[in-house]
Amino acid sequence: MGMEKLRGEKGAREYARRTGYFEAVMSIIEAITLGIVQGLTEFLPISSTAHLRIVPALCGWDDPGAAYSAVIQCGTLAAVCVALRHDIARLARGFVAGLRSGRPFAEADSRTSLLVILGTLPIVGVGFAARHLIRGEARRLEVVTGALLFTTFLMAAAEWIVWRRARRGVRGRDGLEAVTPGDGLTMGLAQVLALVPGTSRSGVTISAGMATGLDRATAARFSFLLSLPAVAAAGLLEAWQQREAIFGSPEATLDAVVGTLAAAVVGYASIRWLLRMLTSHTLWPFVVYRLGLAGVLAWTLGSSAVRSIPSLFSFL
């Protein structure tokens, strides 16, 4: 009897060990997957927050939450800093030179750096005021679907405006030195919409820049630079406020670090690809993708399919 009890306890410990190992592996897989999703979708105009909400639902995982999403955004923040390091260094030098001369709007680099700062103020103010809504009700799939459709309409409208200009022989303004205070303010206000999951920060800001007269590639470059202060502030603030939940255990910390690194690597590749792509292509492929995604979401919500879809990893 004693031997059987000993074997039973040993088997239980072995089962617990294997279960813990399996859960750790799955946790790492989930972190890598979410990091890849973040890196791919933060800069492509298809909405990172929407995909970070949709992918876990389809895989049978819990919603990672706004805090985790903000923390792994630090990976894409690093990607922007590396991909646009020459622009950032030039703007920083221009900013310092403008302050020293007392004429911050006189030179193009100083003016552009100030426009990045001024364009960040709206999203900081609204984001702080609506932080509880953003973390909660705004992440519902119904809201995500509506935001997907709304931003898709804005992107299509921007492409239509560019097409009308091209018919009149008017080309978009090229280069960061061509960004005006009106462009910066319009793109900064548009960035506020990105607080709603499903919107796409890059989608609304690039569209706003195109509508004000910038060419696609310049609008994208300024959009990425504009994201730096807001993403850095959101990521650091969430990391501090939710530090116990995100970094409360070695396992949770490892998940956050792995997700952030995956987002950084994939995000860098996404930035380089999109900047090349927009020099000769339009936003229409992303418009079509977003329409398809919104259609699928609307269908699944209507048929309660999200709740009935089995986990992709249920066979494990």
C-alpha atoms as a PDB file:
ATOM      1  CA  MET A   1       0.000   0.000   0.000  1.00  0.00           C
ATOM      2  CA  GLY A   2       2.819   2.354   0.927  1.00  0.00           C
ATOM      3  CA  MET A   3       4.656   1.576  -2.338  1.00  0.00           C
ATOM      4  CA  GLU A   4       1.536   2.299  -4.397  1.00  0.00           C
ATOM      5  CA  LYS A   5       1.050   5.600  -2.606  1.00  0.00           C
ATOM      6  CA  LEU A   6       4.681   6.515  -3.280  1.00  0.00           C
ATOM      7  CA  ARG A   7       4.298   5.681  -6.973  1.00  0.00           C
ATOM      8  CA  GLY A   8       1.093   7.748  -7.073  1.00  0.00           C
ATOM      9  CA  GLU A   9       2.792  10.763  -5.527  1.00  0.00           C
ATOM     10  CA  LYS A  10       5.741  10.404  -7.891  1.00  0.00           C
ATOM     11  CA  GLY A  11       3.380  10.221 -10.862  1.00  0.00           C
ATOM     12  CA  ALA A  12       1.517  13.298  -9.664  1.00  0.00           C
ATOM     13  CA  ARG A  13       4.785  15.235  -9.347  1.00  0.00           C
ATOM     14  CA  GLU A  14       5.842  14.129 -12.832  1.00  0.00           C
ATOM     15  CA  TYR A  15       2.474  15.156 -14.241  1.00  0.00           C
ATOM     16  CA  ALA A  16       2.731  18.550 -12.555  1.00  0.00           C
ATOM     17  CA  ARG A  17       6.270  19.001 -13.877  1.00  0.00           C
ATOM     18  CA  ARG A  18       5.242  18.170 -17.441  1.00  0.00           C
ATOM     19  CA  THR A  19       2.147  20.341 -17.211  1.00  0.00           C
ATOM     20  CA  GLY A  20       4.208  23.274 -15.951  1.00  0.00           C
ATOM     21  CA  TYR A  21       6.744  22.797 -18.745  1.00  0.00           C
ATOM     22  CA  PHE A  22       3.957  22.624 -21.346  1.00  0.00           C
ATOM     23  CA  GLU A  23       2.328  25.785 -20.009  1.00  0.00           C
ATOM     24  CA  ALA A  24       5.681  27.600 -20.055  1.00  0.00           C
ATOM     25  CA  VAL A  25       6.294  26.605 -23.679  1.00  0.00           C
ATOM     26  CA  MET A  26       2.795  27.660 -24.699  1.00  0.00           C
ATOM     27  CA  SER A  27       3.268  30.958 -22.872  1.00  0.00           C
ATOM     28  CA  ILE A  28       6.460  31.634 -24.851  1.00  0.00           C
ATOM     29  CA  ILE A  29       4.705  30.671 -28.103  1.00  0.00           C
ATOM     30  CA  GLU A  30       1.908  33.076 -27.255  1.00  0.00           C
ATOM     31  CA  ALA A  31       4.380  35.876 -26.452  1.00  0.00           C
ATOM     32  CA  ILE A  32       6.287  35.352 -29.723  1.00  0.00           C
ATOM     33  CA  THR A  33       3.050  35.226 -31.716  1.00  0.00           C
ATOM     34  CA  LEU A  34       1.751  38.447 -30.169  1.00  0.00           C
ATOM     35  CA  GLY A  35       5.128  40.118 -30.707  1.00  0.00           C
ATOM     36  CA  ILE A  36       5.114  39.159 -34.385  1.00  0.00           C
ATOM     37  CA  VAL A  37       1.543  40.409 -34.736  1.00  0.00           C
ATOM     38  CA  GLN A  38       2.494  43.692 -33.051  1.00  0.00           C
ATOM     39  CA  GLY A  39       5.561  44.158 -35.240  1.00  0.00           C
ATOM     40  CA  LEU A  40       3.678  43.426 -38.457  1.00  0.00           C
ATOM     41  CA  THR A  41       0.582  45.470 -37.746  1.00  0.00           C
ATOM     42  CA  GLU A  42       1.871  48.509 -35.828  1.00  0.00           C
ATOM     43  CA  PHE A  43       3.227  50.148 -38.977  1.00  0.00           C
ATOM     44  CA  LEU A  44       1.192  48.522 -41.723  1.00  0.00           C
ATOM     45  CA  PRO A  45      -2.119  50.425 -41.816  1.00  0.00           C
ATOM     46  CA  ILE A  46      -4.207  47.462 -40.639  1.00  0.00           C
ATOM     47  CA  SER A  47      -4.333  48.160 -36.857  1.00  0.00           C
ATOM     48  CA  SER A  48      -2.132  46.445 -34.301  1.00  0.00           C
ATOM     49  CA  THR A  49      -4.638  46.682 -31.453  1.00  0.00           C
ATOM     50  CA  ALA A  50      -7.327  45.062 -33.596  1.00  0.00           C
ATOM     51  CA  HIS A  51      -5.082  42.111 -34.423  1.00  0.00           C
ATOM     52  CA  LEU A  52      -3.860  41.825 -30.833  1.00  0.00           C
ATOM     53  CA  ARG A  53      -7.513  41.483 -29.887  1.00  0.00           C
ATOM     54  CA  ILE A  54      -8.526  39.186 -32.762  1.00  0.00           C
ATOM     55  CA  VAL A  55      -5.604  36.730 -32.849  1.00  0.00           C
ATOM     56  CA  PRO A  56      -5.930  35.672 -29.184  1.00  0.00           C
ATOM     57  CA  ALA A  57      -9.687  35.233 -29.658  1.00  0.00           C
ATOM     58  CA  LEU A  58      -9.145  32.924 -32.627  1.00  0.00           C
ATOM     59  CA  CYS A  59      -6.423  30.985 -30.808  1.00  0.00           C
ATOM     60  CA  GLY A  60      -8.490  30.534 -27.668  1.00  0.00           C
ATOM     61  CA  TRP A  61      -6.187  32.747 -25.575  1.00  0.00           C
ATOM     62  CA  ASP A  62      -7.149  35.453 -23.118  1.00  0.00           C
ATOM     63  CA  ASP A  63      -7.102  39.080 -24.254  1.00  0.00           C
ATOM     64  CA  PRO A  64      -3.533  40.259 -23.423  1.00  0.00           C
ATOM     65  CA  GLY A  65      -4.975  43.605 -22.382  1.00  0.00           C
ATOM     66  CA  ALA A  66      -4.105  47.204 -23.174  1.00  0.00           C
ATOM     67  CA  ALA A  67      -1.199  47.215 -20.692  1.00  0.00           C
ATOM     68  CA  TYR A  68       0.625  44.276 -22.294  1.00  0.00           C
ATOM     69  CA  SER A  69      -0.074  45.715 -25.748  1.00  0.00           C
ATOM     70  CA  ALA A  70       1.467  49.037 -24.702  1.00  0.00           C
ATOM     71  CA  VAL A  71       4.553  47.344 -23.249  1.00  0.00           C
ATOM     72  CA  ILE A  72       5.358  45.282 -26.353  1.00  0.00           C
ATOM     73  CA  GLN A  73       4.886  48.484 -28.352  1.00  0.00           C
ATOM     74  CA  CYS A  74       8.261  49.423 -26.881  1.00  0.00           C
ATOM     75  CA  GLY A  75       9.672  46.846 -29.285  1.00  0.00           C
ATOM     76  CA  THR A  76       8.197  48.681 -32.256  1.00  0.00           C
ATOM     77  CA  LEU A  77       9.423  51.935 -30.696  1.00  0.00           C
ATOM     78  CA  ALA A  78      12.958  50.525 -30.847  1.00  0.00           C
ATOM     79  CA  ALA A  79      12.329  49.470 -34.459  1.00  0.00           C
ATOM     80  CA  VAL A  80      11.421  53.054 -35.437  1.00  0.00           C
ATOM     81  CA  CYS A  81      14.501  54.415 -33.665  1.00  0.00           C
ATOM     82  CA  VAL A  82      16.771  52.063 -35.608  1.00  0.00           C
ATOM     83  CA  ALA A  83      15.021  52.303 -38.987  1.00  0.00           C
ATOM     84  CA  LEU A  84      14.775  56.122 -38.902  1.00  0.00           C
ATOM     85  CA  ARG A  85      17.919  56.798 -36.864  1.00  0.00           C
ATOM     86  CA  HIS A  86      19.341  59.234 -39.415  1.00  0.00           C
ATOM     87  CA  ASP A  87      16.115  61.277 -39.497  1.00  0.00           C
ATOM     88  CA  ILE A  88      15.925  61.260 -35.693  1.00  0.00           C
ATOM     89  CA  ALA A  89      19.539  62.376 -35.283  1.00  0.00           C
ATOM     90  CA  ARG A  90      19.099  65.168 -37.834  1.00  0.00           C
ATOM     91  CA  LEU A  91      15.881  66.410 -36.208  1.00  0.00           C
ATOM     92  CA  ALA A  92      17.467  66.312 -32.750  1.00  0.00           C
ATOM     93  CA  ARG A  93      20.387  68.435 -33.966  1.00  0.00           C
ATOM     94  CA  GLY A  94      17.966  70.814 -35.644  1.00  0.00           C
ATOM     95  CA  PHE A  95      15.887  71.113 -32.477  1.00  0.00           C
ATOM     96  CA  VAL A  96      18.916  72.038 -30.370  1.00  0.00           C
ATOM     97  CA  ALA A  97      20.169  74.474 -33.017  1.00  0.00           C
ATOM     98  CA  GLY A  98      16.735  76.116 -33.214  1.00  0.00           C
ATOM     99  CA  LEU A  99      16.598  76.613 -29.449  1.00  0.00           C
ATOM    100  CA  ARG A 100      20.083  78.100 -29.413  1.00  0.00           C
ATOM    101  CA  SER A 101      19.302  80.524 -32.209  1.00  0.00           C
ATOM    102  CA  GLY A 102      15.954  81.512 -30.709  1.00  0.00           C
ATOM    103  CA  ARG A 103      14.270  80.841 -34.064  1.00  0.00           C
ATOM    104  CA  PRO A 104      12.899  77.283 -33.760  1.00  0.00           C
ATOM    105  CA  PHE A 105      10.665  77.541 -36.828  1.00  0.00           C
ATOM    106  CA  ALA A 106      13.285  79.067 -39.107  1.00  0.00           C
ATOM    107  CA  GLU A 107      15.042  75.874 -40.201  1.00  0.00           C
ATOM    108  CA  ALA A 108      13.308  72.792 -41.624  1.00  0.00           C
ATOM    109  CA  ASP A 109      14.775  70.233 -39.204  1.00  0.00           C
ATOM    110  CA  SER A 110      14.007  72.345 -36.138  1.00  0.00           C
ATOM    111  CA  ARG A 111      10.489  73.033 -37.423  1.00  0.00           C
ATOM    112  CA  THR A 112       9.799  69.346 -38.100  1.00  0.00           C
ATOM    113  CA  SER A 113      11.011  68.300 -34.642  1.00  0.00           C
ATOM    114  CA  LEU A 114       8.691  70.846 -33.038  1.00  0.00           C
ATOM    115  CA  LEU A 115       5.796  69.621 -35.172  1.00  0.00           C
ATOM    116  CA  VAL A 116       6.392  66.105 -33.854  1.00  0.00           C
ATOM    117  CA  ILE A 117       6.176  67.439 -30.295  1.00  0.00           C
ATOM    118  CA  LEU A 118       3.120  69.606 -30.941  1.00  0.00           C
ATOM    119  CA  GLY A 119       1.403  66.831 -32.885  1.00  0.00           C
ATOM    120  CA  THR A 120       1.812  64.528 -29.884  1.00  0.00           C
ATOM    121  CA  LEU A 121      -0.027  66.779 -27.409  1.00  0.00           C
ATOM    122  CA  PRO A 122      -3.592  65.876 -28.509  1.00  0.00           C
ATOM    123  CA  ILE A 123      -3.169  62.110 -28.083  1.00  0.00           C
ATOM    124  CA  VAL A 124      -1.418  62.552 -24.723  1.00  0.00           C
ATOM    125  CA  GLY A 125      -4.270  64.655 -23.353  1.00  0.00           C
ATOM    126  CA  VAL A 126      -7.118  62.520 -24.701  1.00  0.00           C
ATOM    127  CA  GLY A 127      -5.307  59.277 -23.914  1.00  0.00           C
ATOM    128  CA  PHE A 128      -4.860  60.230 -20.278  1.00  0.00           C
ATOM    129  CA  ALA A 129      -8.446  61.425 -19.911  1.00  0.00           C
ATOM    130  CA  ALA A 130      -9.931  58.306 -21.543  1.00  0.00           C
ATOM    131  CA  ARG A 131      -7.446  55.742 -20.205  1.00  0.00           C
ATOM    132  CA  HIS A 132     -10.041  53.665 -18.344  1.00  0.00           C
ATOM    133  CA  LEU A 133     -12.303  53.434 -21.394  1.00  0.00           C
ATOM    134  CA  ILE A 134      -9.367  52.469 -23.611  1.00  0.00           C
ATOM    135  CA  ARG A 135      -8.403  49.630 -21.267  1.00  0.00           C
ATOM    136  CA  GLY A 136     -11.948  48.293 -21.038  1.00  0.00           C
ATOM    137  CA  GLU A 137     -15.015  48.786 -23.203  1.00  0.00           C
ATOM    138  CA  ALA A 138     -13.091  50.115 -26.205  1.00  0.00           C
ATOM    139  CA  ARG A 139     -11.491  46.669 -26.697  1.00  0.00           C
ATOM    140  CA  ARG A 140     -14.810  44.946 -27.428  1.00  0.00           C
ATOM    141  CA  LEU A 141     -14.861  43.271 -30.846  1.00  0.00           C
ATOM    142  CA  GLU A 142     -17.914  45.307 -31.862  1.00  0.00           C
ATOM    143  CA  VAL A 143     -15.902  48.504 -31.343  1.00  0.00           C
ATOM    144  CA  VAL A 144     -12.917  47.045 -33.195  1.00  0.00           C
ATOM    145  CA  THR A 145     -15.105  46.179 -36.196  1.00  0.00           C
ATOM    146  CA  GLY A 146     -16.634  49.665 -36.344  1.00  0.00           C
ATOM    147  CA  ALA A 147     -13.198  51.302 -36.095  1.00  0.00           C
ATOM    148  CA  LEU A 148     -11.847  49.067 -38.854  1.00  0.00           C
ATOM    149  CA  LEU A 149     -14.608  50.210 -41.213  1.00  0.00           C
ATOM    150  CA  PHE A 150     -14.321  53.879 -40.257  1.00  0.00           C
ATOM    151  CA  THR A 151     -10.572  54.067 -40.848  1.00  0.00           C
ATOM    152  CA  THR A 152     -10.903  52.096 -44.078  1.00  0.00           C
ATOM    153  CA  PHE A 153     -13.255  54.812 -45.312  1.00  0.00           C
ATOM    154  CA  LEU A 154     -10.692  57.501 -44.364  1.00  0.00           C
ATOM    155  CA  MET A 155      -7.920  55.652 -46.221  1.00  0.00           C
ATOM    156  CA  ALA A 156     -10.090  55.274 -49.325  1.00  0.00           C
ATOM    157  CA  ALA A 157     -11.021  58.966 -49.140  1.00  0.00           C
ATOM    158  CA  ALA A 158      -7.333  59.936 -48.937  1.00  0.00           C
ATOM    159  CA  GLU A 159      -6.513  57.858 -52.001  1.00  0.00           C
ATOM    160  CA  TRP A 160      -9.435  59.459 -53.857  1.00  0.00           C
ATOM    161  CA  ILE A 161      -8.123  62.937 -52.967  1.00  0.00           C
ATOM    162  CA  VAL A 162      -4.649  62.012 -54.232  1.00  0.00           C
ATOM    163  CA  TRP A 163      -6.168  60.619 -57.440  1.00  0.00           C
ATOM    164  CA  ARG A 164      -8.100  63.839 -58.034  1.00  0.00           C
ATOM    165  CA  ARG A 165      -4.949  65.885 -57.517  1.00  0.00           C
ATOM    166  CA  ALA A 166      -2.975  63.676 -59.886  1.00  0.00           C
ATOM    167  CA  ARG A 167      -5.583  64.243 -62.599  1.00  0.00           C
ATOM    168  CA  ARG A 168      -4.886  67.972 -62.273  1.00  0.00           C
ATOM    169  CA  GLY A 169      -1.138  67.343 -62.450  1.00  0.00           C
ATOM    170  CA  VAL A 170      -0.519  68.112 -58.747  1.00  0.00           C
ATOM    171  CA  ARG A 171       2.049  65.898 -57.053  1.00  0.00           C
ATOM    172  CA  GLY A 172       2.376  65.281 -53.326  1.00  0.00           C
ATOM    173  CA  ARG A 173       5.035  67.226 -51.408  1.00  0.00           C
ATOM    174  CA  ASP A 174       8.176  65.157 -50.854  1.00  0.00           C
ATOM    175  CA  GLY A 175      10.583  65.159 -47.893  1.00  0.00           C
ATOM    176  CA  LEU A 176      10.244  65.945 -44.201  1.00  0.00           C
ATOM    177  CA  GLU A 177      11.206  69.557 -44.913  1.00  0.00           C
ATOM    178  CA  ALA A 178       7.911  69.839 -46.806  1.00  0.00           C
ATOM    179  CA  VAL A 179       5.835  69.084 -43.679  1.00  0.00           C
ATOM    180  CA  THR A 180       3.991  72.255 -42.656  1.00  0.00           C
ATOM    181  CA  PRO A 181       2.404  73.195 -39.307  1.00  0.00           C
ATOM    182  CA  GLY A 182      -0.967  72.422 -40.886  1.00  0.00           C
ATOM    183  CA  ASP A 183       0.216  68.921 -41.803  1.00  0.00           C
ATOM    184  CA  GLY A 184       1.608  68.306 -38.319  1.00  0.00           C
ATOM    185  CA  LEU A 185      -1.542  69.530 -36.559  1.00  0.00           C
ATOM    186  CA  THR A 186      -3.860  67.544 -38.822  1.00  0.00           C
ATOM    187  CA  MET A 187      -1.854  64.343 -38.425  1.00  0.00           C
ATOM    188  CA  GLY A 188      -1.574  64.926 -34.664  1.00  0.00           C
ATOM    189  CA  LEU A 189      -5.345  65.279 -34.321  1.00  0.00           C
ATOM    190  CA  ALA A 190      -5.877  62.211 -36.511  1.00  0.00           C
ATOM    191  CA  GLN A 191      -3.558  60.238 -34.251  1.00  0.00           C
ATOM    192  CA  VAL A 192      -6.075  60.653 -31.411  1.00  0.00           C
ATOM    193  CA  LEU A 193      -8.406  58.300 -33.287  1.00  0.00           C
ATOM    194  CA  ALA A 194      -5.771  55.566 -32.915  1.00  0.00           C
ATOM    195  CA  LEU A 195      -6.716  55.288 -29.236  1.00  0.00           C
ATOM    196  CA  VAL A 196      -9.720  53.252 -30.405  1.00  0.00           C
ATOM    197  CA  PRO A 197      -8.689  49.629 -31.147  1.00  0.00           C
ATOM    198  CA  GLY A 198      -9.158  48.801 -34.815  1.00  0.00           C
ATOM    199  CA  THR A 199      -8.345  52.290 -36.069  1.00  0.00           C
ATOM    200  CA  SER A 200      -4.624  51.997 -36.968  1.00  0.00           C
ATOM    201  CA  ARG A 201      -2.304  54.800 -35.954  1.00  0.00           C
ATOM    202  CA  SER A 202      -0.384  54.621 -39.216  1.00  0.00           C
ATOM    203  CA  GLY A 203      -3.579  54.337 -41.258  1.00  0.00           C
ATOM    204  CA  VAL A 204      -5.220  57.514 -39.948  1.00  0.00           C
ATOM    205  CA  THR A 205      -2.046  59.596 -39.784  1.00  0.00           C
ATOM    206  CA  ILE A 206      -0.776  58.610 -43.234  1.00  0.00           C
ATOM    207  CA  SER A 207      -4.230  59.267 -44.676  1.00  0.00           C
ATOM    208  CA  ALA A 208      -4.357  62.676 -42.971  1.00  0.00           C
ATOM    209  CA  GLY A 209      -0.936  63.572 -44.358  1.00  0.00           C
ATOM    210  CA  MET A 210      -1.941  62.509 -47.868  1.00  0.00           C
ATOM    211  CA  ALA A 211      -5.132  64.571 -47.597  1.00  0.00           C
ATOM    212  CA  THR A 212      -3.162  67.700 -46.668  1.00  0.00           C
ATOM    213  CA  GLY A 213      -0.846  67.301 -49.668  1.00  0.00           C
ATOM    214  CA  LEU A 214       2.113  65.126 -48.634  1.00  0.00           C
ATOM    215  CA  ASP A 215       3.138  62.194 -50.796  1.00  0.00           C
ATOM    216  CA  ARG A 216       2.597  58.717 -49.333  1.00  0.00           C
ATOM    217  CA  ALA A 217       6.209  57.993 -48.345  1.00  0.00           C
ATOM    218  CA  THR A 218       6.688  61.380 -46.630  1.00  0.00           C
ATOM    219  CA  ALA A 219       3.377  61.013 -44.803  1.00  0.00           C
ATOM    220  CA  ALA A 220       4.516  57.575 -43.617  1.00  0.00           C
ATOM    221  CA  ARG A 221       7.916  58.836 -42.424  1.00  0.00           C
ATOM    222  CA  PHE A 222       6.374  61.683 -40.456  1.00  0.00           C
ATOM    223  CA  SER A 223       3.709  59.303 -39.123  1.00  0.00           C
ATOM    224  CA  PHE A 224       6.378  56.969 -37.745  1.00  0.00           C
ATOM    225  CA  LEU A 225       8.292  59.884 -36.171  1.00  0.00           C
ATOM    226  CA  LEU A 226       5.037  61.207 -34.712  1.00  0.00           C
ATOM    227  CA  SER A 227       4.429  57.861 -33.032  1.00  0.00           C
ATOM    228  CA  LEU A 228       7.682  57.985 -31.032  1.00  0.00           C
ATOM    229  CA  PRO A 229       6.687  60.251 -28.101  1.00  0.00           C
ATOM    230  CA  ALA A 230       3.179  58.796 -27.746  1.00  0.00           C
ATOM    231  CA  VAL A 231       4.270  55.148 -27.899  1.00  0.00           C
ATOM    232  CA  ALA A 232       7.185  55.773 -25.524  1.00  0.00           C
ATOM    233  CA  ALA A 233       4.953  57.572 -23.017  1.00  0.00           C
ATOM    234  CA  ALA A 234       2.197  54.935 -23.190  1.00  0.00           C
ATOM    235  CA  GLY A 235       4.597  51.998 -22.921  1.00  0.00           C
ATOM    236  CA  LEU A 236       6.582  53.388 -19.995  1.00  0.00           C
ATOM    237  CA  LEU A 237       3.472  54.565 -18.145  1.00  0.00           C
ATOM    238  CA  GLU A 238       1.698  51.213 -18.529  1.00  0.00           C
ATOM    239  CA  ALA A 239       4.853  49.313 -17.590  1.00  0.00           C
ATOM    240  CA  TRP A 240       5.088  51.300 -14.362  1.00  0.00           C
ATOM    241  CA  GLN A 241       1.399  51.285 -13.448  1.00  0.00           C
ATOM    242  CA  GLN A 242       0.892  47.598 -14.286  1.00  0.00           C
ATOM    243  CA  ARG A 243       4.361  46.462 -13.226  1.00  0.00           C
ATOM    244  CA  GLU A 244       3.060  43.855 -10.782  1.00  0.00           C
ATOM    245  CA  ALA A 245       0.832  42.206 -13.394  1.00  0.00           C
ATOM    246  CA  ILE A 246       3.326  42.397 -16.263  1.00  0.00           C
ATOM    247  CA  PHE A 247       6.568  41.819 -14.354  1.00  0.00           C
ATOM    248  CA  GLY A 248       5.202  40.190 -11.203  1.00  0.00           C
ATOM    249  CA  SER A 249       6.875  36.834 -11.842  1.00  0.00           C
ATOM    250  CA  PRO A 250       9.886  35.554 -13.808  1.00  0.00           C
ATOM    251  CA  GLU A 251       7.514  33.864 -16.263  1.00  0.00           C
ATOM    252  CA  ALA A 252       5.508  37.050 -16.876  1.00  0.00           C
ATOM    253  CA  THR A 253       8.689  39.096 -17.272  1.00  0.00           C
ATOM    254  CA  LEU A 254      10.079  36.585 -19.761  1.00  0.00           C
ATOM    255  CA  ASP A 255       6.850  36.744 -21.780  1.00  0.00           C
ATOM    256  CA  ALA A 256       7.011  40.551 -21.906  1.00  0.00           C
ATOM    257  CA  VAL A 257      10.686  40.552 -22.934  1.00  0.00           C
ATOM    258  CA  VAL A 258      10.211  37.870 -25.610  1.00  0.00           C
ATOM    259  CA  GLY A 259       7.155  39.627 -27.028  1.00  0.00           C
ATOM    260  CA  THR A 260       8.964  42.959 -27.113  1.00  0.00           C
ATOM    261  CA  LEU A 261      12.009  41.513 -28.896  1.00  0.00           C
ATOM    262  CA  ALA A 262       9.828  39.769 -31.485  1.00  0.00           C
ATOM    263  CA  ALA A 263       7.943  43.026 -32.076  1.00  0.00           C
ATOM    264  CA  ALA A 264      11.219  44.922 -32.532  1.00  0.00           C
ATOM    265  CA  VAL A 265      12.672  42.554 -35.147  1.00  0.00           C
ATOM    266  CA  VAL A 266       9.488  42.197 -37.179  1.00  0.00           C
ATOM    267  CA  GLY A 267       8.649  45.891 -36.774  1.00  0.00           C
ATOM    268  CA  TYR A 268      11.976  46.964 -38.275  1.00  0.00           C
ATOM    269  CA  ALA A 269      11.383  44.789 -41.333  1.00  0.00           C
ATOM    270  CA  SER A 270       7.825  46.136 -41.659  1.00  0.00           C
ATOM    271  CA  ILE A 271       8.980  49.769 -41.617  1.00  0.00           C
ATOM    272  CA  ARG A 272      11.626  49.231 -44.270  1.00  0.00           C
ATOM    273  CA  TRP A 273       9.203  47.345 -46.490  1.00  0.00           C
ATOM    274  CA  LEU A 274       6.346  49.850 -46.169  1.00  0.00           C
ATOM    275  CA  LEU A 275       8.522  52.901 -46.895  1.00  0.00           C
ATOM    276  CA  ARG A 276       9.767  51.229 -50.094  1.00  0.00           C
ATOM    277  CA  MET A 277       6.296  50.046 -51.034  1.00  0.00           C
ATOM    278  CA  LEU A 278       4.657  53.481 -50.685  1.00  0.00           C
ATOM    279  CA  THR A 279       7.106  55.117 -53.089  1.00  0.00           C
ATOM    280  CA  SER A 280       5.360  53.376 -55.976  1.00  0.00           C
ATOM    281  CA  HIS A 281       2.143  51.819 -54.642  1.00  0.00           C
ATOM    282  CA  THR A 282      -1.099  52.979 -53.050  1.00  0.00           C
ATOM    283  CA  LEU A 283      -3.006  52.126 -49.874  1.00  0.00           C
ATOM    284  CA  TRP A 284      -5.685  50.227 -51.799  1.00  0.00           C
ATOM    285  CA  PRO A 285      -4.361  46.729 -50.932  1.00  0.00           C
ATOM    286  CA  PHE A 286      -4.691  47.616 -47.247  1.00  0.00           C
ATOM    287  CA  VAL A 287      -8.163  49.033 -47.836  1.00  0.00           C
ATOM    288  CA  VAL A 288      -9.247  45.737 -49.387  1.00  0.00           C
ATOM    289  CA  TYR A 289      -7.676  43.727 -46.551  1.00  0.00           C
ATOM    290  CA  ARG A 290      -9.380  45.840 -43.897  1.00  0.00           C
ATOM    291  CA  LEU A 291     -12.748  45.485 -45.601  1.00  0.00           C
ATOM    292  CA  GLY A 292     -12.321  41.722 -45.690  1.00  0.00           C
ATOM    293  CA  LEU A 293     -11.263  41.597 -42.056  1.00  0.00           C
ATOM    294  CA  ALA A 294     -14.183  43.773 -40.973  1.00  0.00           C
ATOM    295  CA  GLY A 295     -16.541  41.558 -42.947  1.00  0.00           C
ATOM    296  CA  VAL A 296     -15.234  38.419 -41.264  1.00  0.00           C
ATOM    297  CA  LEU A 297     -15.498  40.039 -37.840  1.00  0.00           C
ATOM    298  CA  ALA A 298     -19.039  41.226 -38.504  1.00  0.00           C
ATOM    299  CA  TRP A 299     -20.036  37.715 -39.587  1.00  0.00           C
ATOM    300  CA  THR A 300     -18.429  36.047 -36.585  1.00  0.00           C
ATOM    301  CA  LEU A 301     -20.041  38.500 -34.200  1.00  0.00           C
ATOM    302  CA  GLY A 302     -23.421  37.981 -35.813  1.00  0.00           C
ATOM    303  CA  SER A 303     -23.169  34.203 -35.622  1.00  0.00           C
ATOM    304  CA  SER A 304     -21.324  34.093 -32.271  1.00  0.00           C
ATOM    305  CA  ALA A 305     -18.562  32.267 -34.128  1.00  0.00           C
ATOM    306  CA  VAL A 306     -15.745  33.720 -32.053  1.00  0.00           C
ATOM    307  CA  ARG A 307     -17.093  31.909 -29.008  1.00  0.00           C
ATOM    308  CA  SER A 308     -17.578  28.656 -30.891  1.00  0.00           C
ATOM    309  CA  ILE A 309     -14.273  28.574 -32.822  1.00  0.00           C
ATOM    310  CA  PRO A 310     -12.077  25.938 -31.168  1.00  0.00           C
ATOM    311  CA  SER A 311      -8.595  26.911 -30.092  1.00  0.00           C
ATOM    312  CA  LEU A 312      -5.991  26.398 -32.767  1.00  0.00           C
ATOM    313  CA  PHE A 313      -3.925  24.640 -30.103  1.00  0.00           C
ATOM    314  CA  SER A 314      -6.717  22.515 -28.651  1.00  0.00           C
ATOM    315  CA  PHE A 315      -5.204  19.421 -30.192  1.00  0.00           C
ATOM    316  CA  LEU A 316      -2.055  19.770 -28.047  1.00  0.00           C
END
